[in-house]
Amino acid sequence: MARTYAEAEAGIPVCLFGSSNFLEIAVRQGSAAQLLGISIGDEISLYYR
């Protein structure tokens, strides 16, 4: 989890709440969709350690 995109390490997936207060999965300087092999509408499960 991160509060901002700037907190994320480049190339590492991160979750954060965006400006519309939706939970987002992102990759700084990359594509979460490509890296994780997911697309809009896919069902995913998140686990927090």
PDB file of N, CA and C in Angstrom:
ATOM      1  N   MET A   1       0.840  -1.180   0.000  1.00  0.00           N
ATOM      2  CA  MET A   1       0.000   0.000   0.000  1.00  0.00           C
ATOM      3  C   MET A   1       0.886   1.243   0.000  1.00  0.00           C
ATOM      4  N   ALA A   2       0.402   2.248  -0.679  1.00  0.00           N
ATOM      5  CA  ALA A   2       1.101   3.531  -0.715  1.00  0.00           C
ATOM      6  C   ALA A   2       0.058   4.641  -0.640  1.00  0.00           C
ATOM      7  N   ARG A   3       0.496   5.811  -0.229  1.00  0.00           N
ATOM      8  CA  ARG A   3      -0.415   6.960  -0.201  1.00  0.00           C
ATOM      9  C   ARG A   3      -0.381   7.719  -1.520  1.00  0.00           C
ATOM     10  N   THR A   4       0.769   7.698  -2.200  1.00  0.00           N
ATOM     11  CA  THR A   4       0.923   8.406  -3.470  1.00  0.00           C
ATOM     12  C   THR A   4       1.736   7.552  -4.432  1.00  0.00           C
ATOM     13  N   TYR A   5       1.652   7.886  -5.716  1.00  0.00           N
ATOM     14  CA  TYR A   5       2.455   7.181  -6.719  1.00  0.00           C
ATOM     15  C   TYR A   5       3.946   7.388  -6.469  1.00  0.00           C
ATOM     16  N   ALA A   6       4.306   8.561  -5.969  1.00  0.00           N
ATOM     17  CA  ALA A   6       5.708   8.871  -5.718  1.00  0.00           C
ATOM     18  C   ALA A   6       6.318   7.961  -4.653  1.00  0.00           C
ATOM     19  N   GLU A   7       5.513   7.429  -3.759  1.00  0.00           N
ATOM     20  CA  GLU A   7       6.017   6.511  -2.724  1.00  0.00           C
ATOM     21  C   GLU A   7       6.358   5.134  -3.280  1.00  0.00           C
ATOM     22  N   ALA A   8       5.794   4.798  -4.424  1.00  0.00           N
ATOM     23  CA  ALA A   8       5.980   3.466  -4.991  1.00  0.00           C
ATOM     24  C   ALA A   8       7.374   3.327  -5.597  1.00  0.00           C
ATOM     25  N   GLU A   9       7.936   2.142  -5.469  1.00  0.00           N
ATOM     26  CA  GLU A   9       9.219   1.839  -6.093  1.00  0.00           C
ATOM     27  C   GLU A   9       8.976   1.516  -7.565  1.00  0.00           C
ATOM     28  N   ALA A  10       9.780   2.030  -8.453  1.00  0.00           N
ATOM     29  CA  ALA A  10       9.612   1.804  -9.893  1.00  0.00           C
ATOM     30  C   ALA A  10       9.585   0.310 -10.216  1.00  0.00           C
ATOM     31  N   GLY A  11       8.593  -0.100 -11.006  1.00  0.00           N
ATOM     32  CA  GLY A  11       8.494  -1.479 -11.461  1.00  0.00           C
ATOM     33  C   GLY A  11       7.849  -2.448 -10.495  1.00  0.00           C
ATOM     34  N   ILE A  12       7.458  -1.989  -9.304  1.00  0.00           N
ATOM     35  CA  ILE A  12       6.863  -2.852  -8.283  1.00  0.00           C
ATOM     36  C   ILE A  12       5.380  -2.513  -8.147  1.00  0.00           C
ATOM     37  N   PRO A  13       4.483  -3.519  -8.224  1.00  0.00           N
ATOM     38  CA  PRO A  13       3.046  -3.240  -8.072  1.00  0.00           C
ATOM     39  C   PRO A  13       2.740  -2.648  -6.701  1.00  0.00           C
ATOM     40  N   VAL A  14       1.799  -1.717  -6.686  1.00  0.00           N
ATOM     41  CA  VAL A  14       1.398  -1.061  -5.455  1.00  0.00           C
ATOM     42  C   VAL A  14      -0.110  -0.799  -5.512  1.00  0.00           C
ATOM     43  N   CYS A  15      -0.755  -0.767  -4.366  1.00  0.00           N
ATOM     44  CA  CYS A  15      -2.169  -0.396  -4.269  1.00  0.00           C
ATOM     45  C   CYS A  15      -2.247   0.956  -3.578  1.00  0.00           C
ATOM     46  N   LEU A  16      -3.176   1.780  -4.051  1.00  0.00           N
ATOM     47  CA  LEU A  16      -3.399   3.074  -3.417  1.00  0.00           C
ATOM     48  C   LEU A  16      -4.803   3.534  -3.750  1.00  0.00           C
ATOM     49  N   PHE A  17      -5.302   4.463  -2.951  1.00  0.00           N
ATOM     50  CA  PHE A  17      -6.599   5.055  -3.224  1.00  0.00           C
ATOM     51  C   PHE A  17      -6.368   6.300  -4.071  1.00  0.00           C
ATOM     52  N   GLY A  18      -6.957   6.309  -5.274  1.00  0.00           N
ATOM     53  CA  GLY A  18      -6.793   7.418  -6.200  1.00  0.00           C
ATOM     54  C   GLY A  18      -7.662   8.608  -5.839  1.00  0.00           C
ATOM     55  N   SER A  19      -7.638   9.618  -6.698  1.00  0.00           N
ATOM     56  CA  SER A  19      -8.350  10.867  -6.430  1.00  0.00           C
ATOM     57  C   SER A  19      -9.862  10.679  -6.378  1.00  0.00           C
ATOM     58  N   SER A  20     -10.391   9.618  -6.997  1.00  0.00           N
ATOM     59  CA  SER A  20     -11.831   9.325  -6.932  1.00  0.00           C
ATOM     60  C   SER A  20     -12.164   8.367  -5.796  1.00  0.00           C
ATOM     61  N   ASN A  21     -11.163   8.081  -4.942  1.00  0.00           N
ATOM     62  CA  ASN A  21     -11.296   7.207  -3.781  1.00  0.00           C
ATOM     63  C   ASN A  21     -11.557   5.745  -4.144  1.00  0.00           C
ATOM     64  N   PHE A  22     -11.145   5.345  -5.352  1.00  0.00           N
ATOM     65  CA  PHE A  22     -11.185   3.943  -5.743  1.00  0.00           C
ATOM     66  C   PHE A  22      -9.828   3.330  -5.436  1.00  0.00           C
ATOM     67  N   LEU A  23      -9.829   2.063  -5.048  1.00  0.00           N
ATOM     68  CA  LEU A  23      -8.571   1.358  -4.849  1.00  0.00           C
ATOM     69  C   LEU A  23      -7.967   1.067  -6.214  1.00  0.00           C
ATOM     70  N   GLU A  24      -6.740   1.489  -6.414  1.00  0.00           N
ATOM     71  CA  GLU A  24      -6.059   1.314  -7.687  1.00  0.00           C
ATOM     72  C   GLU A  24      -4.857   0.401  -7.520  1.00  0.00           C
ATOM     73  N   ILE A  25      -4.582  -0.355  -8.557  1.00  0.00           N
ATOM     74  CA  ILE A  25      -3.360  -1.149  -8.631  1.00  0.00           C
ATOM     75  C   ILE A  25      -2.509  -0.479  -9.695  1.00  0.00           C
ATOM     76  N   ALA A  26      -1.301  -0.133  -9.351  1.00  0.00           N
ATOM     77  CA  ALA A  26      -0.454   0.625 -10.269  1.00  0.00           C
ATOM     78  C   ALA A  26       0.982   0.116 -10.218  1.00  0.00           C
ATOM     79  N   VAL A  27       1.727   0.441 -11.270  1.00  0.00           N
ATOM     80  CA  VAL A  27       3.165   0.202 -11.316  1.00  0.00           C
ATOM     81  C   VAL A  27       3.803   1.510 -11.757  1.00  0.00           C
ATOM     82  N   ARG A  28       4.593   2.086 -10.896  1.00  0.00           N
ATOM     83  CA  ARG A  28       5.270   3.348 -11.233  1.00  0.00           C
ATOM     84  C   ARG A  28       6.223   3.092 -12.390  1.00  0.00           C
ATOM     85  N   GLN A  29       6.140   3.920 -13.392  1.00  0.00           N
ATOM     86  CA  GLN A  29       6.952   3.816 -14.602  1.00  0.00           C
ATOM     87  C   GLN A  29       6.718   2.497 -15.321  1.00  0.00           C
ATOM     88  N   GLY A  30       5.475   2.012 -15.290  1.00  0.00           N
ATOM     89  CA  GLY A  30       5.156   0.765 -15.966  1.00  0.00           C
ATOM     90  C   GLY A  30       3.661   0.567 -16.059  1.00  0.00           C
ATOM     91  N   SER A  31       3.254  -0.635 -16.400  1.00  0.00           N
ATOM     92  CA  SER A  31       1.851  -0.986 -16.562  1.00  0.00           C
ATOM     93  C   SER A  31       1.505  -2.156 -15.653  1.00  0.00           C
ATOM     94  N   ALA A  32       0.599  -1.923 -14.708  1.00  0.00           N
ATOM     95  CA  ALA A  32       0.160  -3.008 -13.830  1.00  0.00           C
ATOM     96  C   ALA A  32      -0.553  -4.084 -14.648  1.00  0.00           C
ATOM     97  N   ALA A  33      -1.331  -3.677 -15.633  1.00  0.00           N
ATOM     98  CA  ALA A  33      -2.058  -4.639 -16.468  1.00  0.00           C
ATOM     99  C   ALA A  33      -1.087  -5.582 -17.165  1.00  0.00           C
ATOM    100  N   GLN A  34      -0.036  -5.037 -17.758  1.00  0.00           N
ATOM    101  CA  GLN A  34       0.945  -5.884 -18.445  1.00  0.00           C
ATOM    102  C   GLN A  34       1.733  -6.746 -17.476  1.00  0.00           C
ATOM    103  N   LEU A  35       2.213  -6.144 -16.399  1.00  0.00           N
ATOM    104  CA  LEU A  35       3.046  -6.876 -15.447  1.00  0.00           C
ATOM    105  C   LEU A  35       2.283  -8.017 -14.783  1.00  0.00           C
ATOM    106  N   LEU A  36       1.003  -7.771 -14.445  1.00  0.00           N
ATOM    107  CA  LEU A  36       0.212  -8.765 -13.719  1.00  0.00           C
ATOM    108  C   LEU A  36      -0.673  -9.613 -14.623  1.00  0.00           C
ATOM    109  N   GLY A  37      -0.737  -9.262 -15.910  1.00  0.00           N
ATOM    110  CA  GLY A  37      -1.558 -10.027 -16.846  1.00  0.00           C
ATOM    111  C   GLY A  37      -3.044  -9.888 -16.563  1.00  0.00           C
ATOM    112  N   ILE A  38      -3.480  -8.688 -16.203  1.00  0.00           N
ATOM    113  CA  ILE A  38      -4.888  -8.446 -15.890  1.00  0.00           C
ATOM    114  C   ILE A  38      -5.436  -7.333 -16.769  1.00  0.00           C
ATOM    115  N   SER A  39      -6.760  -7.263 -16.848  1.00  0.00           N
ATOM    116  CA  SER A  39      -7.395  -6.192 -17.607  1.00  0.00           C
ATOM    117  C   SER A  39      -8.682  -5.776 -16.905  1.00  0.00           C
ATOM    118  N   ILE A  40      -9.279  -4.681 -17.379  1.00  0.00           N
ATOM    119  CA  ILE A  40     -10.510  -4.164 -16.784  1.00  0.00           C
ATOM    120  C   ILE A  40     -11.572  -5.255 -16.795  1.00  0.00           C
ATOM    121  N   GLY A  41     -12.227  -5.435 -15.656  1.00  0.00           N
ATOM    122  CA  GLY A  41     -13.278  -6.437 -15.517  1.00  0.00           C
ATOM    123  C   GLY A  41     -12.814  -7.763 -14.951  1.00  0.00           C
ATOM    124  N   ASP A  42     -11.496  -7.990 -14.905  1.00  0.00           N
ATOM    125  CA  ASP A  42     -10.985  -9.220 -14.307  1.00  0.00           C
ATOM    126  C   ASP A  42     -11.251  -9.229 -12.812  1.00  0.00           C
ATOM    127  N   GLU A  43     -11.546 -10.394 -12.290  1.00  0.00           N
ATOM    128  CA  GLU A  43     -11.723 -10.549 -10.854  1.00  0.00           C
ATOM    129  C   GLU A  43     -10.371 -10.852 -10.240  1.00  0.00           C
ATOM    130  N   ILE A  44     -10.040 -10.130  -9.178  1.00  0.00           N
ATOM    131  CA  ILE A  44      -8.766 -10.342  -8.494  1.00  0.00           C
ATOM    132  C   ILE A  44      -9.009 -10.472  -6.999  1.00  0.00           C
ATOM    133  N   SER A  45      -8.041 -11.030  -6.307  1.00  0.00           N
ATOM    134  CA  SER A  45      -8.067 -11.105  -4.847  1.00  0.00           C
ATOM    135  C   SER A  45      -6.838 -10.415  -4.316  1.00  0.00           C
ATOM    136  N   LEU A  46      -7.012  -9.623  -3.287  1.00  0.00           N
ATOM    137  CA  LEU A  46      -5.902  -8.922  -2.658  1.00  0.00           C
ATOM    138  C   LEU A  46      -5.731  -9.435  -1.244  1.00  0.00           C
ATOM    139  N   TYR A  47      -4.502  -9.650  -0.852  1.00  0.00           N
ATOM    140  CA  TYR A  47      -4.185 -10.084   0.504  1.00  0.00           C
ATOM    141  C   TYR A  47      -3.188  -9.106   1.084  1.00  0.00           C
ATOM    142  N   TYR A  48      -3.425  -8.663   2.275  1.00  0.00           N
ATOM    143  CA  TYR A  48      -2.541  -7.717   2.942  1.00  0.00           C
ATOM    144  C   TYR A  48      -1.769  -8.448   4.024  1.00  0.00           C
ATOM    145  N   ARG A  49      -0.473  -8.311   4.004  1.00  0.00           N
ATOM    146  CA  ARG A  49       0.371  -8.959   5.023  1.00  0.00           C
ATOM    147  C   ARG A  49       0.821  -7.949   6.027  1.00  0.00           C
TER     148      ARG A  49
END
